[in-house]
PDB file of N, CA and C in Angstrom:
ATOM      1  N   TYR A   1      -7.836  29.127 -18.123  1.00  0.00           N
ATOM      2  CA  TYR A   1      -7.260  29.867 -18.713  1.00  0.00           C
ATOM      3  C   TYR A   1      -7.086  31.036 -17.113  1.00  0.00           C
ATOM      4  N   VAL A   2      -5.532  31.362 -16.703  1.00  0.00           N
ATOM      5  CA  VAL A   2      -5.649  32.474 -15.136  1.00  0.00           C
ATOM      6  C   VAL A   2      -4.565  33.460 -15.422  1.00  0.00           C
ATOM      7  N   LYS A   3      -5.134  35.235 -15.685  1.00  0.00           N
ATOM      8  CA  LYS A   3      -4.303  36.195 -15.671  1.00  0.00           C
ATOM      9  C   LYS A   3      -2.967  35.580 -14.728  1.00  0.00           C
ATOM     10  N   ARG A   4      -1.647  36.579 -15.176  1.00  0.00           N
ATOM     11  CA  ARG A   4      -0.121  36.702 -14.687  1.00  0.00           C
ATOM     12  C   ARG A   4      -0.449  36.603 -12.806  1.00  0.00           C
ATOM     13  N   GLY A   5       0.155  36.024 -12.059  1.00  0.00           N
ATOM     14  CA  GLY A   5       0.368  35.849 -10.808  1.00  0.00           C
ATOM     15  C   GLY A   5       0.618  34.845 -10.029  1.00  0.00           C
ATOM     16  N   THR A   6       0.522  35.019  -8.922  1.00  0.00           N
ATOM     17  CA  THR A   6       1.023  34.298  -8.388  1.00  0.00           C
ATOM     18  C   THR A   6      -0.305  33.012  -7.640  1.00  0.00           C
ATOM     19  N   TYR A   7       0.198  31.356  -8.034  1.00  0.00           N
ATOM     20  CA  TYR A   7      -1.675  30.953  -7.511  1.00  0.00           C
ATOM     21  C   TYR A   7      -0.598  29.957  -7.142  1.00  0.00           C
ATOM     22  N   THR A   8      -0.766  29.085  -5.626  1.00  0.00           N
ATOM     23  CA  THR A   8      -1.302  27.392  -4.951  1.00  0.00           C
ATOM     24  C   THR A   8      -2.178  26.643  -5.704  1.00  0.00           C
ATOM     25  N   VAL A   9      -1.299  25.193  -6.494  1.00  0.00           N
ATOM     26  CA  VAL A   9      -2.150  24.367  -7.155  1.00  0.00           C
ATOM     27  C   VAL A   9      -1.683  23.499  -6.558  1.00  0.00           C
ATOM     28  N   THR A  10      -2.799  22.403  -6.261  1.00  0.00           N
ATOM     29  CA  THR A  10      -2.961  21.517  -5.144  1.00  0.00           C
ATOM     30  C   THR A  10      -3.996  20.749  -5.552  1.00  0.00           C
ATOM     31  N   ALA A  11      -2.908  19.025  -5.528  1.00  0.00           N
ATOM     32  CA  ALA A  11      -3.813  17.594  -5.741  1.00  0.00           C
ATOM     33  C   ALA A  11      -3.350  16.875  -4.310  1.00  0.00           C
ATOM     34  N   GLU A  12      -5.078  16.492  -3.930  1.00  0.00           N
ATOM     35  CA  GLU A  12      -4.834  15.079  -4.079  1.00  0.00           C
ATOM     36  C   GLU A  12      -5.777  14.396  -3.838  1.00  0.00           C
ATOM     37  N   SER A  13      -5.713  12.652  -3.733  1.00  0.00           N
ATOM     38  CA  SER A  13      -6.504  11.612  -4.252  1.00  0.00           C
ATOM     39  C   SER A  13      -5.482  10.593  -2.829  1.00  0.00           C
ATOM     40  N   ASP A  14      -7.058   9.804  -3.284  1.00  0.00           N
ATOM     41  CA  ASP A  14      -6.909   8.308  -2.014  1.00  0.00           C
ATOM     42  C   ASP A  14      -5.963   7.886  -1.934  1.00  0.00           C
ATOM     43  N   LYS A  15      -4.486   8.348  -3.747  1.00  0.00           N
ATOM     44  CA  LYS A  15      -4.311   7.269  -3.883  1.00  0.00           C
ATOM     45  C   LYS A  15      -2.614   7.835  -3.553  1.00  0.00           C
ATOM     46  N   PHE A  16      -2.831   8.774  -2.679  1.00  0.00           N
ATOM     47  CA  PHE A  16      -1.571   9.572  -3.687  1.00  0.00           C
ATOM     48  C   PHE A  16      -1.433   8.748  -0.940  1.00  0.00           C
ATOM     49  N   GLN A  17       0.868   9.465  -1.515  1.00  0.00           N
ATOM     50  CA  GLN A  17       0.936   9.383   0.124  1.00  0.00           C
ATOM     51  C   GLN A  17      -0.154  10.538   1.300  1.00  0.00           C
ATOM     52  N   SER A  18       0.323  11.723   0.548  1.00  0.00           N
ATOM     53  CA  SER A  18       0.186  13.255   0.806  1.00  0.00           C
ATOM     54  C   SER A  18      -0.540  14.280  -0.212  1.00  0.00           C
ATOM     55  N   LYS A  19      -1.074  14.984  -0.131  1.00  0.00           N
ATOM     56  CA  LYS A  19      -1.331  16.139  -0.388  1.00  0.00           C
ATOM     57  C   LYS A  19      -0.163  16.926  -1.249  1.00  0.00           C
ATOM     58  N   LEU A  20      -0.279  17.361  -2.300  1.00  0.00           N
ATOM     59  CA  LEU A  20       0.284  17.870  -3.155  1.00  0.00           C
ATOM     60  C   LEU A  20       0.301  19.782  -3.447  1.00  0.00           C
ATOM     61  N   THR A  21       0.752  20.283  -2.452  1.00  0.00           N
ATOM     62  CA  THR A  21       0.580  21.637  -2.939  1.00  0.00           C
ATOM     63  C   THR A  21       2.142  22.048  -3.124  1.00  0.00           C
ATOM     64  N   ARG A  22       1.910  23.683  -3.835  1.00  0.00           N
ATOM     65  CA  ARG A  22       3.101  24.118  -4.856  1.00  0.00           C
ATOM     66  C   ARG A  22       2.389  25.573  -5.134  1.00  0.00           C
ATOM     67  N   THR A  23       3.615  26.580  -4.648  1.00  0.00           N
ATOM     68  CA  THR A  23       3.149  27.392  -5.582  1.00  0.00           C
ATOM     69  C   THR A  23       3.882  27.992  -6.785  1.00  0.00           C
ATOM     70  N   ILE A  24       2.867  28.560  -7.565  1.00  0.00           N
ATOM     71  CA  ILE A  24       3.576  28.952  -8.692  1.00  0.00           C
ATOM     72  C   ILE A  24       3.299  30.365  -9.190  1.00  0.00           C
ATOM     73  N   THR A  25       4.621  30.825 -10.057  1.00  0.00           N
ATOM     74  CA  THR A  25       3.782  32.034 -10.731  1.00  0.00           C
ATOM     75  C   THR A  25       3.839  32.165 -11.480  1.00  0.00           C
ATOM     76  N   VAL A  26       2.679  32.822 -12.554  1.00  0.00           N
ATOM     77  CA  VAL A  26       2.475  32.558 -13.976  1.00  0.00           C
ATOM     78  C   VAL A  26       3.168  33.826 -14.231  1.00  0.00           C
ATOM     79  N   ASN A  27       3.327  33.593 -15.972  1.00  0.00           N
ATOM     80  CA  ASN A  27       3.804  34.604 -16.389  1.00  0.00           C
ATOM     81  C   ASN A  27       4.111  34.721 -17.820  1.00  0.00           C
ATOM     82  N   SER A  28       3.959  33.380 -18.163  1.00  0.00           N
ATOM     83  CA  SER A  28       3.593  33.405 -19.993  1.00  0.00           C
ATOM     84  C   SER A  28       2.356  32.546 -20.162  1.00  0.00           C
ATOM     85  N   SER A  29       2.166  32.438 -22.108  1.00  0.00           N
ATOM     86  CA  SER A  29       1.330  32.010 -22.100  1.00  0.00           C
ATOM     87  C   SER A  29       1.181  30.136 -22.020  1.00  0.00           C
ATOM     88  N   GLY A  30       0.658  29.418 -22.427  1.00  0.00           N
ATOM     89  CA  GLY A  30       1.274  28.045 -22.220  1.00  0.00           C
ATOM     90  C   GLY A  30       2.725  27.237 -21.365  1.00  0.00           C
ATOM     91  N   GLN A  31       2.490  27.677 -20.328  1.00  0.00           N
ATOM     92  CA  GLN A  31       3.308  27.388 -18.482  1.00  0.00           C
ATOM     93  C   GLN A  31       2.757  26.262 -18.487  1.00  0.00           C
ATOM     94  N   THR A  32       3.361  24.704 -18.168  1.00  0.00           N
ATOM     95  CA  THR A  32       3.122  24.018 -18.165  1.00  0.00           C
ATOM     96  C   THR A  32       3.295  23.999 -16.497  1.00  0.00           C
ATOM     97  N   VAL A  33       3.478  22.616 -15.749  1.00  0.00           N
ATOM     98  CA  VAL A  33       3.556  22.575 -14.417  1.00  0.00           C
ATOM     99  C   VAL A  33       3.026  21.344 -14.400  1.00  0.00           C
ATOM    100  N   LYS A  34       4.801  20.732 -13.489  1.00  0.00           N
ATOM    101  CA  LYS A  34       4.338  19.122 -13.429  1.00  0.00           C
ATOM    102  C   LYS A  34       4.333  18.932 -11.821  1.00  0.00           C
ATOM    103  N   MET A  35       4.009  17.795 -11.220  1.00  0.00           N
ATOM    104  CA  MET A  35       3.371  17.339 -10.065  1.00  0.00           C
ATOM    105  C   MET A  35       3.649  16.289  -9.973  1.00  0.00           C
ATOM    106  N   THR A  36       4.471  15.720  -8.964  1.00  0.00           N
ATOM    107  CA  THR A  36       4.307  13.680  -8.510  1.00  0.00           C
ATOM    108  C   THR A  36       4.618  13.602  -7.186  1.00  0.00           C
ATOM    109  N   ALA A  37       4.017  12.362  -7.081  1.00  0.00           N
ATOM    110  CA  ALA A  37       3.503  12.076  -6.338  1.00  0.00           C
ATOM    111  C   ALA A  37       3.569  11.049  -6.556  1.00  0.00           C
ATOM    112  N   GLU A  38       3.845  10.103  -4.299  1.00  0.00           N
ATOM    113  CA  GLU A  38       3.700   9.239  -4.828  1.00  0.00           C
ATOM    114  C   GLU A  38       2.365   8.108  -4.311  1.00  0.00           C
ATOM    115  N   ILE A  39       2.709   7.332  -5.336  1.00  0.00           N
ATOM    116  CA  ILE A  39       0.892   6.314  -5.694  1.00  0.00           C
ATOM    117  C   ILE A  39       1.028   5.055  -4.633  1.00  0.00           C
ATOM    118  N   LEU A  40       0.334   4.711  -3.329  1.00  0.00           N
ATOM    119  CA  LEU A  40      -0.185   3.656  -2.613  1.00  0.00           C
ATOM    120  C   LEU A  40      -1.198   3.095  -3.188  1.00  0.00           C
ATOM    121  N   GLU A  41      -1.214   1.414  -3.247  1.00  0.00           N
ATOM    122  CA  GLU A  41      -2.390   0.805  -3.133  1.00  0.00           C
ATOM    123  C   GLU A  41      -2.310  -0.122  -2.002  1.00  0.00           C
ATOM    124  N   ASN A  42      -3.633  -0.452  -2.523  1.00  0.00           N
ATOM    125  CA  ASN A  42      -4.143  -1.647  -1.014  1.00  0.00           C
ATOM    126  C   ASN A  42      -3.772  -2.848  -1.312  1.00  0.00           C
ATOM    127  N   VAL A  43      -3.085  -3.078  -0.570  1.00  0.00           N
ATOM    128  CA  VAL A  43      -3.106  -4.624  -0.938  1.00  0.00           C
ATOM    129  C   VAL A  43      -3.719  -5.458   0.576  1.00  0.00           C
ATOM    130  N   LYS A  44      -4.336  -6.710   0.356  1.00  0.00           N
ATOM    131  CA  LYS A  44      -4.713  -7.412   0.958  1.00  0.00           C
ATOM    132  C   LYS A  44      -4.687  -8.270   1.029  1.00  0.00           C
ATOM    133  N   ILE A  45      -4.059  -9.141   2.067  1.00  0.00           N
ATOM    134  CA  ILE A  45      -3.191 -10.292   3.141  1.00  0.00           C
ATOM    135  C   ILE A  45      -4.194 -11.323   3.520  1.00  0.00           C
ATOM    136  N   TYR A  46      -4.576 -12.298   2.581  1.00  0.00           N
ATOM    137  CA  TYR A  46      -5.856 -13.067   3.872  1.00  0.00           C
ATOM    138  C   TYR A  46      -5.146 -14.167   4.455  1.00  0.00           C
ATOM    139  N   VAL A  47      -5.048 -14.326   5.844  1.00  0.00           N
ATOM    140  CA  VAL A  47      -4.605 -16.144   5.822  1.00  0.00           C
ATOM    141  C   VAL A  47      -4.606 -16.814   6.854  1.00  0.00           C
ATOM    142  N   THR A  48      -4.906 -17.930   5.594  1.00  0.00           N
ATOM    143  CA  THR A  48      -5.472 -19.228   5.849  1.00  0.00           C
ATOM    144  C   THR A  48      -4.644 -20.349   6.812  1.00  0.00           C
ATOM    145  N   SER A  49      -5.308 -20.983   8.253  1.00  0.00           N
ATOM    146  CA  SER A  49      -4.721 -22.889   7.379  1.00  0.00           C
ATOM    147  C   SER A  49      -5.175 -23.425   6.212  1.00  0.00           C
ATOM    148  N   THR A  50      -4.049 -24.819   6.111  1.00  0.00           N
ATOM    149  CA  THR A  50      -3.637 -25.615   5.298  1.00  0.00           C
ATOM    150  C   THR A  50      -5.283 -25.864   4.722  1.00  0.00           C
ATOM    151  N   THR A  51      -6.672 -25.987   6.191  1.00  0.00           N
ATOM    152  CA  THR A  51      -7.954 -25.572   5.905  1.00  0.00           C
ATOM    153  C   THR A  51      -8.776 -25.507   4.979  1.00  0.00           C
ATOM    154  N   GLY A  52      -8.299 -24.227   5.159  1.00  0.00           N
ATOM    155  CA  GLY A  52      -8.758 -22.436   4.519  1.00  0.00           C
ATOM    156  C   GLY A  52      -9.984 -22.077   6.384  1.00  0.00           C
ATOM    157  N   ALA A  53      -9.576 -22.678   7.486  1.00  0.00           N
ATOM    158  CA  ALA A  53      -9.618 -21.260   8.414  1.00  0.00           C
ATOM    159  C   ALA A  53      -9.168 -20.608   8.755  1.00  0.00           C
ATOM    160  N   LYS A  54      -9.853 -19.117   8.829  1.00  0.00           N
ATOM    161  CA  LYS A  54      -9.470 -18.029   8.759  1.00  0.00           C
ATOM    162  C   LYS A  54      -8.535 -18.303  10.072  1.00  0.00           C
ATOM    163  N   ILE A  55      -6.887 -17.398  10.096  1.00  0.00           N
ATOM    164  CA  ILE A  55      -6.407 -17.102  11.270  1.00  0.00           C
ATOM    165  C   ILE A  55      -6.201 -15.728  11.783  1.00  0.00           C
ATOM    166  N   SER A  56      -6.910 -16.038  12.631  1.00  0.00           N
ATOM    167  CA  SER A  56      -6.006 -14.964  13.755  1.00  0.00           C
ATOM    168  C   SER A  56      -5.304 -14.164  14.700  1.00  0.00           C
ATOM    169  N   GLY A  57      -4.252 -12.906  14.782  1.00  0.00           N
ATOM    170  CA  GLY A  57      -3.196 -13.619  15.191  1.00  0.00           C
ATOM    171  C   GLY A  57      -2.143 -13.633  14.560  1.00  0.00           C
ATOM    172  N   ALA A  58      -1.792 -13.886  13.266  1.00  0.00           N
ATOM    173  CA  ALA A  58      -1.104 -13.960  12.260  1.00  0.00           C
ATOM    174  C   ALA A  58      -0.179 -12.138  12.123  1.00  0.00           C
ATOM    175  N   THR A  59       1.399 -12.353  12.552  1.00  0.00           N
ATOM    176  CA  THR A  59       1.895 -11.019  12.179  1.00  0.00           C
ATOM    177  C   THR A  59       2.184 -11.055  11.037  1.00  0.00           C
ATOM    178  N   VAL A  60       1.876 -10.301  10.009  1.00  0.00           N
ATOM    179  CA  VAL A  60       2.197 -10.153   8.455  1.00  0.00           C
ATOM    180  C   VAL A  60       3.304  -8.651   8.035  1.00  0.00           C
ATOM    181  N   THR A  61       4.694  -9.413   7.523  1.00  0.00           N
ATOM    182  CA  THR A  61       5.424  -8.451   6.860  1.00  0.00           C
ATOM    183  C   THR A  61       5.328  -7.568   5.489  1.00  0.00           C
ATOM    184  N   LEU A  62       4.874  -6.410   5.401  1.00  0.00           N
ATOM    185  CA  LEU A  62       5.165  -6.494   4.023  1.00  0.00           C
ATOM    186  C   LEU A  62       6.438  -4.804   3.929  1.00  0.00           C
ATOM    187  N   GLY A  63       7.302  -4.914   3.782  1.00  0.00           N
ATOM    188  CA  GLY A  63       8.692  -4.363   3.670  1.00  0.00           C
ATOM    189  C   GLY A  63       8.655  -4.511   5.145  1.00  0.00           C
ATOM    190  N   SER A  64       8.778  -2.997   5.674  1.00  0.00           N
ATOM    191  CA  SER A  64       8.871  -2.483   6.777  1.00  0.00           C
ATOM    192  C   SER A  64       7.376  -1.984   7.385  1.00  0.00           C
ATOM    193  N   GLN A  65       6.363  -2.570   7.309  1.00  0.00           N
ATOM    194  CA  GLN A  65       4.948  -2.763   7.798  1.00  0.00           C
ATOM    195  C   GLN A  65       4.909  -3.809   8.310  1.00  0.00           C
ATOM    196  N   THR A  66       3.944  -3.938   9.302  1.00  0.00           N
ATOM    197  CA  THR A  66       3.547  -5.125  10.322  1.00  0.00           C
ATOM    198  C   THR A  66       1.839  -4.753  10.779  1.00  0.00           C
ATOM    199  N   VAL A  67       1.492  -5.242  10.190  1.00  0.00           N
ATOM    200  CA  VAL A  67      -0.209  -5.958  10.659  1.00  0.00           C
ATOM    201  C   VAL A  67      -0.596  -6.963  11.626  1.00  0.00           C
ATOM    202  N   THR A  68      -1.191  -7.220  12.028  1.00  0.00           N
ATOM    203  CA  THR A  68      -1.500  -8.706  12.575  1.00  0.00           C
ATOM    204  C   THR A  68      -3.230  -8.440  12.323  1.00  0.00           C
ATOM    205  N   THR A  69      -3.384  -9.880  12.123  1.00  0.00           N
ATOM    206  CA  THR A  69      -4.480 -10.731  12.107  1.00  0.00           C
ATOM    207  C   THR A  69      -5.417 -10.401  12.393  1.00  0.00           C
ATOM    208  N   GLY A  70      -6.869  -9.571  12.230  1.00  0.00           N
ATOM    209  CA  GLY A  70      -8.524  -9.669  13.271  1.00  0.00           C
ATOM    210  C   GLY A  70      -8.607 -10.841  13.088  1.00  0.00           C
ATOM    211  N   ALA A  71     -10.504 -11.820  13.896  1.00  0.00           N
ATOM    212  CA  ALA A  71     -11.012 -12.890  13.479  1.00  0.00           C
ATOM    213  C   ALA A  71     -11.545 -12.923  12.580  1.00  0.00           C
ATOM    214  N   ASP A  72     -11.348 -12.448  10.926  1.00  0.00           N
ATOM    215  CA  ASP A  72     -10.949 -12.317   9.834  1.00  0.00           C
ATOM    216  C   ASP A  72     -10.044 -12.492   8.508  1.00  0.00           C
ATOM    217  N   GLY A  73      -8.550 -13.023   9.653  1.00  0.00           N
ATOM    218  CA  GLY A  73      -7.932 -13.375   9.145  1.00  0.00           C
ATOM    219  C   GLY A  73      -7.120 -12.986   8.365  1.00  0.00           C
ATOM    220  N   LEU A  74      -6.870 -11.216   8.407  1.00  0.00           N
ATOM    221  CA  LEU A  74      -6.845 -10.095   7.204  1.00  0.00           C
ATOM    222  C   LEU A  74      -6.221  -9.301   7.605  1.00  0.00           C
ATOM    223  N   ALA A  75      -4.546  -8.965   7.062  1.00  0.00           N
ATOM    224  CA  ALA A  75      -3.683  -7.765   6.910  1.00  0.00           C
ATOM    225  C   ALA A  75      -3.916  -6.837   5.889  1.00  0.00           C
ATOM    226  N   GLU A  76      -4.446  -5.591   6.487  1.00  0.00           N
ATOM    227  CA  GLU A  76      -4.824  -4.908   4.615  1.00  0.00           C
ATOM    228  C   GLU A  76      -3.306  -3.518   5.378  1.00  0.00           C
ATOM    229  N   PHE A  77      -2.950  -3.490   4.380  1.00  0.00           N
ATOM    230  CA  PHE A  77      -1.644  -2.143   3.981  1.00  0.00           C
ATOM    231  C   PHE A  77      -1.982  -1.436   2.224  1.00  0.00           C
ATOM    232  N   ASN A  78      -1.958  -0.404   2.819  1.00  0.00           N
ATOM    233  CA  ASN A  78      -1.862   0.863   1.547  1.00  0.00           C
ATOM    234  C   ASN A  78      -0.405   1.203   1.739  1.00  0.00           C
ATOM    235  N   ILE A  79       0.485   0.736   0.353  1.00  0.00           N
ATOM    236  CA  ILE A  79       2.162   0.676   0.323  1.00  0.00           C
ATOM    237  C   ILE A  79       2.175   0.962  -1.498  1.00  0.00           C
ATOM    238  N   LYS A  80       2.885   1.814  -1.165  1.00  0.00           N
ATOM    239  CA  LYS A  80       3.786   1.462  -2.263  1.00  0.00           C
ATOM    240  C   LYS A  80       3.676   0.890  -3.468  1.00  0.00           C
ATOM    241  N   ARG A  81       4.550   1.551  -4.513  1.00  0.00           N
ATOM    242  CA  ARG A  81       4.717   0.801  -5.446  1.00  0.00           C
ATOM    243  C   ARG A  81       6.002   0.294  -5.673  1.00  0.00           C
ATOM    244  N   GLN A  82       6.403  -0.779  -5.425  1.00  0.00           N
ATOM    245  CA  GLN A  82       7.529  -1.863  -5.887  1.00  0.00           C
ATOM    246  C   GLN A  82       7.817  -3.406  -5.065  1.00  0.00           C
ATOM    247  N   SER A  83       8.796  -3.692  -5.219  1.00  0.00           N
ATOM    248  CA  SER A  83       8.754  -5.170  -4.093  1.00  0.00           C
ATOM    249  C   SER A  83       9.070  -5.191  -3.353  1.00  0.00           C
ATOM    250  N   TYR A  84       8.874  -5.680  -2.478  1.00  0.00           N
ATOM    251  CA  TYR A  84       8.457  -6.281  -1.224  1.00  0.00           C
ATOM    252  C   TYR A  84       8.442  -7.463  -0.148  1.00  0.00           C
ATOM    253  N   THR A  85       9.270  -7.860   0.861  1.00  0.00           N
ATOM    254  CA  THR A  85       9.693  -9.224   1.609  1.00  0.00           C
ATOM    255  C   THR A  85       8.433  -9.099   1.778  1.00  0.00           C
ATOM    256  N   LEU A  86       7.602 -10.208   1.208  1.00  0.00           N
ATOM    257  CA  LEU A  86       5.861 -10.494   2.406  1.00  0.00           C
ATOM    258  C   LEU A  86       6.612 -11.448   3.494  1.00  0.00           C
ATOM    259  N   ARG A  87       6.164 -11.830   4.841  1.00  0.00           N
ATOM    260  CA  ARG A  87       6.230 -12.778   5.810  1.00  0.00           C
ATOM    261  C   ARG A  87       5.347 -12.855   6.530  1.00  0.00           C
ATOM    262  N   VAL A  88       4.810 -14.332   6.684  1.00  0.00           N
ATOM    263  CA  VAL A  88       3.726 -14.409   7.768  1.00  0.00           C
ATOM    264  C   VAL A  88       4.128 -15.729   8.953  1.00  0.00           C
ATOM    265  N   THR A  89       4.169 -14.931  10.137  1.00  0.00           N
ATOM    266  CA  THR A  89       4.381 -15.788  11.323  1.00  0.00           C
ATOM    267  C   THR A  89       3.023 -15.967  12.446  1.00  0.00           C
ATOM    268  N   CYS A  90       2.933 -16.888  12.648  1.00  0.00           N
ATOM    269  CA  CYS A  90       1.966 -16.979  13.955  1.00  0.00           C
ATOM    270  C   CYS A  90       2.380 -18.420  14.840  1.00  0.00           C
ATOM    271  N   SER A  91       2.209 -18.469  15.856  1.00  0.00           N
ATOM    272  CA  SER A  91       2.439 -19.030  17.100  1.00  0.00           C
ATOM    273  C   SER A  91       1.428 -20.215  16.887  1.00  0.00           C
ATOM    274  N   GLY A  92       3.208 -21.823  16.582  1.00  0.00           N
ATOM    275  CA  GLY A  92       1.929 -22.654  16.141  1.00  0.00           C
ATOM    276  C   GLY A  92       1.420 -23.295  14.849  1.00  0.00           C
ATOM    277  N   TYR A  93       2.381 -22.391  14.077  1.00  0.00           N
ATOM    278  CA  TYR A  93       2.165 -22.969  12.169  1.00  0.00           C
ATOM    279  C   TYR A  93       3.937 -21.899  11.498  1.00  0.00           C
ATOM    280  N   GLN A  94       4.226 -23.016  10.649  1.00  0.00           N
ATOM    281  CA  GLN A  94       5.413 -22.601  10.269  1.00  0.00           C
ATOM    282  C   GLN A  94       5.460 -20.954   9.619  1.00  0.00           C
ATOM    283  N   SER A  95       6.468 -20.478   9.669  1.00  0.00           N
ATOM    284  CA  SER A  95       7.012 -19.204   9.255  1.00  0.00           C
ATOM    285  C   SER A  95       6.441 -19.253   7.248  1.00  0.00           C
ATOM    286  N   TYR A  96       6.362 -18.114   7.069  1.00  0.00           N
ATOM    287  CA  TYR A  96       5.636 -18.233   5.455  1.00  0.00           C
ATOM    288  C   TYR A  96       6.742 -16.596   4.765  1.00  0.00           C
ATOM    289  N   THR A  97       7.263 -16.856   3.945  1.00  0.00           N
ATOM    290  CA  THR A  97       7.728 -15.807   3.256  1.00  0.00           C
ATOM    291  C   THR A  97       8.399 -15.945   2.004  1.00  0.00           C
ATOM    292  N   GLU A  98       8.020 -14.617   1.048  1.00  0.00           N
ATOM    293  CA  GLU A  98       8.016 -14.570  -0.398  1.00  0.00           C
ATOM    294  C   GLU A  98       8.534 -13.414  -1.334  1.00  0.00           C
ATOM    295  N   SER A  99       9.431 -13.629  -2.122  1.00  0.00           N
ATOM    296  CA  SER A  99       8.794 -12.041  -2.498  1.00  0.00           C
ATOM    297  C   SER A  99       7.692 -11.400  -3.236  1.00  0.00           C
ATOM    298  N   PHE A 100       7.669 -10.800  -3.555  1.00  0.00           N
ATOM    299  CA  PHE A 100       6.026 -10.028  -3.553  1.00  0.00           C
ATOM    300  C   PHE A 100       5.547  -8.721  -4.443  1.00  0.00           C
ATOM    301  N   LEU A 101       5.555  -8.803  -5.310  1.00  0.00           N
ATOM    302  CA  LEU A 101       5.693  -7.761  -6.449  1.00  0.00           C
ATOM    303  C   LEU A 101       4.289  -6.662  -6.021  1.00  0.00           C
ATOM    304  N   VAL A 102       3.936  -5.021  -5.666  1.00  0.00           N
ATOM    305  CA  VAL A 102       3.160  -4.622  -5.518  1.00  0.00           C
ATOM    306  C   VAL A 102       3.348  -3.563  -6.808  1.00  0.00           C
ATOM    307  N   GLU A 103       2.094  -4.040  -7.880  1.00  0.00           N
ATOM    308  CA  GLU A 103       2.211  -3.014  -8.783  1.00  0.00           C
ATOM    309  C   GLU A 103       1.329  -2.837  -9.338  1.00  0.00           C
ATOM    310  N   GLN A 104      -0.177  -2.718  -8.500  1.00  0.00           N
ATOM    311  CA  GLN A 104      -1.602  -1.952  -8.414  1.00  0.00           C
ATOM    312  C   GLN A 104      -2.235  -3.051  -7.573  1.00  0.00           C
ATOM    313  N   GLU A 105      -3.575  -2.748  -7.259  1.00  0.00           N
ATOM    314  CA  GLU A 105      -3.871  -3.183  -5.656  1.00  0.00           C
ATOM    315  C   GLU A 105      -4.339  -4.878  -6.068  1.00  0.00           C
ATOM    316  N   THR A 106      -4.331  -4.849  -4.453  1.00  0.00           N
ATOM    317  CA  THR A 106      -4.249  -6.910  -4.675  1.00  0.00           C
ATOM    318  C   THR A 106      -4.451  -7.226  -3.829  1.00  0.00           C
ATOM    319  N   GLN A 107      -4.968  -8.297  -3.666  1.00  0.00           N
ATOM    320  CA  GLN A 107      -5.639  -9.519  -3.132  1.00  0.00           C
ATOM    321  C   GLN A 107      -4.814 -10.710  -2.520  1.00  0.00           C
ATOM    322  N   LYS A 108      -4.360 -11.372  -1.806  1.00  0.00           N
ATOM    323  CA  LYS A 108      -3.733 -12.998  -1.763  1.00  0.00           C
ATOM    324  C   LYS A 108      -4.377 -13.422  -0.612  1.00  0.00           C
ATOM    325  N   ARG A 109      -3.869 -14.605  -1.008  1.00  0.00           N
ATOM    326  CA  ARG A 109      -4.460 -15.869   0.655  1.00  0.00           C
ATOM    327  C   ARG A 109      -2.858 -16.708   0.251  1.00  0.00           C
ATOM    328  N   VAL A 110      -2.897 -16.403   1.916  1.00  0.00           N
ATOM    329  CA  VAL A 110      -1.458 -16.681   1.937  1.00  0.00           C
ATOM    330  C   VAL A 110      -1.706 -18.149   3.084  1.00  0.00           C
ATOM    331  N   GLN A 111      -1.724 -19.215   2.942  1.00  0.00           N
ATOM    332  CA  GLN A 111      -1.828 -20.714   3.468  1.00  0.00           C
ATOM    333  C   GLN A 111      -0.442 -21.054   4.405  1.00  0.00           C
ATOM    334  N   ILE A 112      -0.568 -21.045   5.690  1.00  0.00           N
ATOM    335  CA  ILE A 112      -0.074 -21.341   6.554  1.00  0.00           C
ATOM    336  C   ILE A 112      -0.096 -22.838   7.085  1.00  0.00           C
ATOM    337  N   LYS A 113       0.999 -23.349   7.313  1.00  0.00           N
ATOM    338  CA  LYS A 113       1.134 -25.249   7.184  1.00  0.00           C
ATOM    339  C   LYS A 113       0.745 -25.352   9.516  1.00  0.00           C
ATOM    340  N   ASN A 114       0.267 -25.508  10.094  1.00  0.00           N
ATOM    341  CA  ASN A 114       0.380 -26.496  11.578  1.00  0.00           C
ATOM    342  C   ASN A 114       1.989 -26.884  11.686  1.00  0.00           C
ATOM    343  N   VAL A 115       2.992 -26.250  12.426  1.00  0.00           N
ATOM    344  CA  VAL A 115       4.306 -26.773  13.268  1.00  0.00           C
ATOM    345  C   VAL A 115       3.928 -28.619  13.462  1.00  0.00           C
TER     346      VAL A 115
END
C-alpha cells in the first residue's frame, strides 16, 4: 500500500531485453499499473559434422543476429520469441537452412555435410 503521489516503478529480469521504468501518479485506491516487456530466450545451436565432430568457425545466423562457433561448436543467442530463418554456413561444408520457431529456451544440434 502506498500514499497518493508520484512514484517510479521499475521491472527487470534477465529475460527482459532492457529494464522497464515508468513514472506513475497514484490518485485512487485499487489502481492497476500494466507494463509490457519483450522476453528474450536463450537459444543454443551446436554445429557438428555428420560424424558428430564439433565444428568451429561456422557462421550461424538466426534472424538478424550472426555468431561464429568456437571450439565447442556452439553459437548462443538471446533472442525474442518468434519465427526465424536459421542458417549455418562453413567453408568445406554444405549450407544448412531451416525455419526455426523460438517459443522458449532451447538447444538444437545441426549436422552439416562435407562438400
